[in-house]
C-alpha atoms as a PDB file:
ATOM      1  CA  MET A   1      42.515  14.816 -11.484  1.00  0.00           C
ATOM      2  CA  ASN A   2      43.616  11.278 -12.683  1.00  0.00           C
ATOM      3  CA  ASN A   3      43.877   8.281 -10.529  1.00  0.00           C
ATOM      4  CA  ASP A   4      44.554   4.624 -10.682  1.00  0.00           C
ATOM      5  CA  ASN A   5      40.748   4.157 -10.848  1.00  0.00           C
ATOM      6  CA  PHE A   6      40.385   6.425 -13.719  1.00  0.00           C
ATOM      7  CA  GLU A   7      43.259   4.916 -15.624  1.00  0.00           C
ATOM      8  CA  PHE A   8      41.437   1.522 -15.262  1.00  0.00           C
ATOM      9  CA  TRP A   9      37.863   2.702 -16.370  1.00  0.00           C
ATOM     10  CA  LYS A  10      39.573   4.820 -19.278  1.00  0.00           C
ATOM     11  CA  MET A  11      41.281   1.570 -20.763  1.00  0.00           C
ATOM     12  CA  ALA A  12      38.570  -0.442 -20.324  1.00  0.00           C
ATOM     13  CA  PHE A  13      36.492   2.044 -22.193  1.00  0.00           C
ATOM     14  CA  ASP A  14      38.727   2.446 -25.035  1.00  0.00           C
ATOM     15  CA  MET A  15      38.695  -1.466 -25.472  1.00  0.00           C
ATOM     16  CA  LYS A  16      35.175  -1.039 -25.789  1.00  0.00           C
ATOM     17  CA  ALA A  17      35.246  -3.808 -23.065  1.00  0.00           C
ATOM     18  CA  ILE A  18      32.654  -1.325 -21.315  1.00  0.00           C
ATOM     19  CA  ASP A  19      29.771   1.259 -22.830  1.00  0.00           C
ATOM     20  CA  LYS A  20      28.884   4.194 -21.229  1.00  0.00           C
ATOM     21  CA  ASN A  21      25.836   2.451 -19.157  1.00  0.00           C
ATOM     22  CA  LEU A  22      28.436   0.579 -17.360  1.00  0.00           C
ATOM     23  CA  LEU A  23      30.996   3.322 -17.012  1.00  0.00           C
ATOM     24  CA  GLY A  24      28.357   5.629 -15.415  1.00  0.00           C
ATOM     25  CA  GLN A  25      27.726   2.866 -12.566  1.00  0.00           C
ATOM     26  CA  ALA A  26      31.590   3.705 -11.799  1.00  0.00           C
ATOM     27  CA  VAL A  27      30.816   7.289 -11.032  1.00  0.00           C
ATOM     28  CA  LYS A  28      30.942   8.495  -7.341  1.00  0.00           C
ATOM     29  CA  CYS A  29      27.813  10.343  -6.568  1.00  0.00           C
ATOM     30  CA  ASP A  30      24.419  10.673  -4.446  1.00  0.00           C
ATOM     31  CA  LYS A  31      23.230   7.336  -5.441  1.00  0.00           C
ATOM     32  CA  ASN A  32      26.537   5.729  -5.575  1.00  0.00           C
ATOM     33  CA  PRO A  33      28.768   7.050  -2.527  1.00  0.00           C
ATOM     34  CA  PHE A  34      31.374   4.409  -2.961  1.00  0.00           C
ATOM     35  CA  GLY A  35      31.875   5.338  -7.157  1.00  0.00           C
ATOM     36  CA  GLU A  36      35.760   4.965  -8.409  1.00  0.00           C
ATOM     37  CA  ILE A  37      35.162   8.187 -10.816  1.00  0.00           C
ATOM     38  CA  SER A  38      34.069  11.583 -10.810  1.00  0.00           C
ATOM     39  CA  PRO A  39      31.493  13.039 -12.625  1.00  0.00           C
ATOM     40  CA  GLU A  40      33.940  15.037 -14.559  1.00  0.00           C
ATOM     41  CA  GLN A  41      36.360  12.125 -15.058  1.00  0.00           C
ATOM     42  CA  TYR A  42      32.945   9.957 -16.708  1.00  0.00           C
ATOM     43  CA  GLU A  43      32.808  13.257 -19.106  1.00  0.00           C
ATOM     44  CA  GLU A  44      36.231  12.979 -19.943  1.00  0.00           C
ATOM     45  CA  ILE A  45      36.316   9.087 -20.648  1.00  0.00           C
ATOM     46  CA  SER A  46      33.002   8.945 -22.433  1.00  0.00           C
ATOM     47  CA  GLY A  47      32.829  12.434 -23.925  1.00  0.00           C
ATOM     48  CA  GLU A  48      29.367  12.877 -22.508  1.00  0.00           C
ATOM     49  CA  LYS A  49      28.198  14.916 -19.621  1.00  0.00           C
ATOM     50  CA  PHE A  50      26.886  12.529 -16.488  1.00  0.00           C
ATOM     51  CA  THR A  51      23.346  12.539 -15.848  1.00  0.00           C
ATOM     52  CA  LEU A  52      21.599  10.217 -13.331  1.00  0.00           C
ATOM     53  CA  VAL A  53      18.830   8.233 -14.815  1.00  0.00           C
END
């Protein structure tokens, strides 16, 4: 499922305007219920599985 937020975060990551740590802060999860992308979208953008730290 792609959405406008996904496209924004993908563009920012591809342009190297953000790193994986900042991208992780945009993931919707128990710690961040207001996130803008899903853990699956994080993996699609970064190439790595999302894990909480």
